């Protein structure tokens, strides 16, 4: 019955910080994958050469 139209506290809490946190985590995961795959790729290129 008493539904509020104002946003919840979670959405009031600095969305820019949330987006920045998501970007940091995704970029960290990206670099972790890249650094993890780089030796494998170099090894395969070395084997192919």
N, C-alpha and C. Protein backbone atom coordinates (compact mmCIF):
# COMPACT_ATOMS: atom_id res chain seq x y z
N UNK A 1 0.83 -1.19 0.00
CA UNK A 1 0.00 0.00 0.00
C UNK A 1 0.88 1.26 0.00
N UNK A 2 1.72 1.40 1.04
CA UNK A 2 2.50 2.62 1.17
C UNK A 2 3.79 2.58 0.37
N UNK A 3 3.68 2.45 -0.93
CA UNK A 3 4.88 2.44 -1.76
C UNK A 3 5.46 3.84 -1.90
N UNK A 4 6.75 3.97 -1.66
CA UNK A 4 7.41 5.27 -1.76
C UNK A 4 7.91 5.48 -3.19
N UNK A 5 7.84 6.72 -3.65
CA UNK A 5 8.31 7.03 -5.00
C UNK A 5 9.77 7.49 -4.96
N UNK A 6 10.25 7.86 -3.77
CA UNK A 6 11.65 8.28 -3.66
C UNK A 6 12.56 7.08 -3.80
N UNK A 7 13.75 7.26 -4.39
CA UNK A 7 14.64 6.11 -4.58
C UNK A 7 15.14 5.56 -3.26
N UNK A 8 15.57 4.33 -3.28
CA UNK A 8 16.08 3.70 -2.07
C UNK A 8 17.46 4.24 -1.74
N UNK A 9 17.96 3.90 -0.55
CA UNK A 9 19.26 4.42 -0.11
C UNK A 9 20.38 3.92 -1.02
N UNK A 10 20.23 2.73 -1.57
CA UNK A 10 21.28 2.17 -2.41
C UNK A 10 21.46 3.00 -3.68
N UNK A 11 20.35 3.47 -4.25
CA UNK A 11 20.46 4.25 -5.47
C UNK A 11 20.85 5.71 -5.16
N UNK A 12 20.63 6.13 -3.93
CA UNK A 12 21.06 7.48 -3.55
C UNK A 12 22.56 7.52 -3.32
N UNK A 13 23.16 6.36 -3.02
CA UNK A 13 24.57 6.31 -2.67
C UNK A 13 25.42 6.38 -3.94
N UNK A 14 25.92 7.57 -4.26
CA UNK A 14 26.89 7.89 -5.31
C UNK A 14 26.99 6.85 -6.42
N UNK A 15 26.14 6.92 -7.43
CA UNK A 15 26.23 5.95 -8.54
C UNK A 15 27.56 6.03 -9.27
N UNK A 16 28.20 7.21 -9.27
CA UNK A 16 29.49 7.35 -9.97
C UNK A 16 30.55 6.47 -9.31
N UNK A 17 30.52 6.37 -7.99
CA UNK A 17 31.48 5.51 -7.30
C UNK A 17 31.23 4.05 -7.66
N UNK A 18 29.96 3.67 -7.78
CA UNK A 18 29.63 2.30 -8.14
C UNK A 18 30.14 1.98 -9.54
N UNK A 19 29.91 2.91 -10.47
CA UNK A 19 30.38 2.71 -11.84
C UNK A 19 31.90 2.63 -11.87
N UNK A 20 32.56 3.50 -11.12
CA UNK A 20 34.02 3.48 -11.08
C UNK A 20 34.53 2.16 -10.49
N UNK A 21 33.86 1.69 -9.46
CA UNK A 21 34.25 0.41 -8.87
C UNK A 21 34.09 -0.74 -9.85
N UNK A 22 32.99 -0.72 -10.61
CA UNK A 22 32.77 -1.77 -11.61
C UNK A 22 33.84 -1.70 -12.69
N UNK A 23 34.20 -0.48 -13.11
CA UNK A 23 35.24 -0.34 -14.13
C UNK A 23 36.59 -0.84 -13.61
N UNK A 24 36.90 -0.53 -12.35
CA UNK A 24 38.17 -0.98 -11.77
C UNK A 24 38.22 -2.50 -11.70
N UNK A 25 37.11 -3.10 -11.25
CA UNK A 25 37.08 -4.56 -11.12
C UNK A 25 37.17 -5.22 -12.49
N UNK A 26 36.43 -4.67 -13.47
CA UNK A 26 36.44 -5.28 -14.80
C UNK A 26 37.81 -5.11 -15.47
N UNK A 27 38.43 -3.93 -15.27
CA UNK A 27 39.75 -3.73 -15.86
C UNK A 27 40.79 -4.61 -15.17
N UNK A 28 40.63 -4.82 -13.85
CA UNK A 28 41.55 -5.71 -13.14
C UNK A 28 41.40 -7.14 -13.65
N UNK A 29 40.15 -7.57 -13.86
CA UNK A 29 39.92 -8.91 -14.41
C UNK A 29 40.49 -9.02 -15.81
N UNK A 30 40.34 -7.97 -16.60
CA UNK A 30 40.86 -7.96 -17.97
C UNK A 30 42.38 -8.12 -17.96
N UNK A 31 43.06 -7.35 -17.11
CA UNK A 31 44.52 -7.42 -17.05
C UNK A 31 44.98 -8.74 -16.47
N UNK A 32 44.20 -9.29 -15.52
CA UNK A 32 44.55 -10.59 -14.95
C UNK A 32 44.49 -11.67 -16.04
N UNK A 33 43.45 -11.60 -16.87
CA UNK A 33 43.32 -12.57 -17.97
C UNK A 33 44.43 -12.37 -18.99
N UNK A 34 44.72 -11.11 -19.33
CA UNK A 34 45.77 -10.83 -20.31
C UNK A 34 47.12 -11.32 -19.80
N UNK A 35 47.45 -11.01 -18.54
CA UNK A 35 48.74 -11.44 -17.99
C UNK A 35 48.79 -12.96 -17.84
N UNK A 36 47.64 -13.57 -17.62
CA UNK A 36 47.61 -15.03 -17.50
C UNK A 36 47.78 -15.70 -18.86
N UNK A 37 47.23 -15.09 -19.91
CA UNK A 37 47.31 -15.69 -21.24
C UNK A 37 48.60 -15.36 -21.96
N UNK A 38 49.26 -14.27 -21.58
CA UNK A 38 50.44 -13.83 -22.32
C UNK A 38 51.54 -14.88 -22.38
N UNK A 39 51.92 -15.52 -21.27
CA UNK A 39 52.96 -16.56 -21.37
C UNK A 39 52.53 -17.72 -22.26
N UNK A 40 51.25 -18.09 -22.22
CA UNK A 40 50.75 -19.18 -23.06
C UNK A 40 50.86 -18.80 -24.54
N UNK A 41 50.46 -17.58 -24.88
CA UNK A 41 50.54 -17.13 -26.27
C UNK A 41 52.00 -17.06 -26.72
N UNK A 42 52.86 -16.52 -25.87
CA UNK A 42 54.28 -16.43 -26.23
C UNK A 42 54.87 -17.82 -26.41
N UNK A 43 54.48 -18.76 -25.55
CA UNK A 43 54.99 -20.12 -25.65
C UNK A 43 54.54 -20.78 -26.95
N UNK A 44 53.28 -20.54 -27.34
CA UNK A 44 52.77 -21.13 -28.58
C UNK A 44 53.45 -20.49 -29.79
N UNK A 45 53.68 -19.18 -29.72
CA UNK A 45 54.38 -18.53 -30.84
C UNK A 45 55.82 -19.05 -30.93
N UNK A 46 56.44 -19.26 -29.77
CA UNK A 46 57.81 -19.79 -29.74
C UNK A 46 57.86 -21.21 -30.31
N UNK A 47 56.82 -22.01 -29.95
CA UNK A 47 56.76 -23.37 -30.48
C UNK A 47 56.54 -23.35 -32.00
N UNK A 48 55.66 -22.45 -32.45
CA UNK A 48 55.35 -22.38 -33.88
C UNK A 48 56.58 -21.90 -34.66
N UNK A 49 57.37 -21.01 -34.05
CA UNK A 49 58.53 -20.47 -34.74
C UNK A 49 59.65 -21.49 -34.72
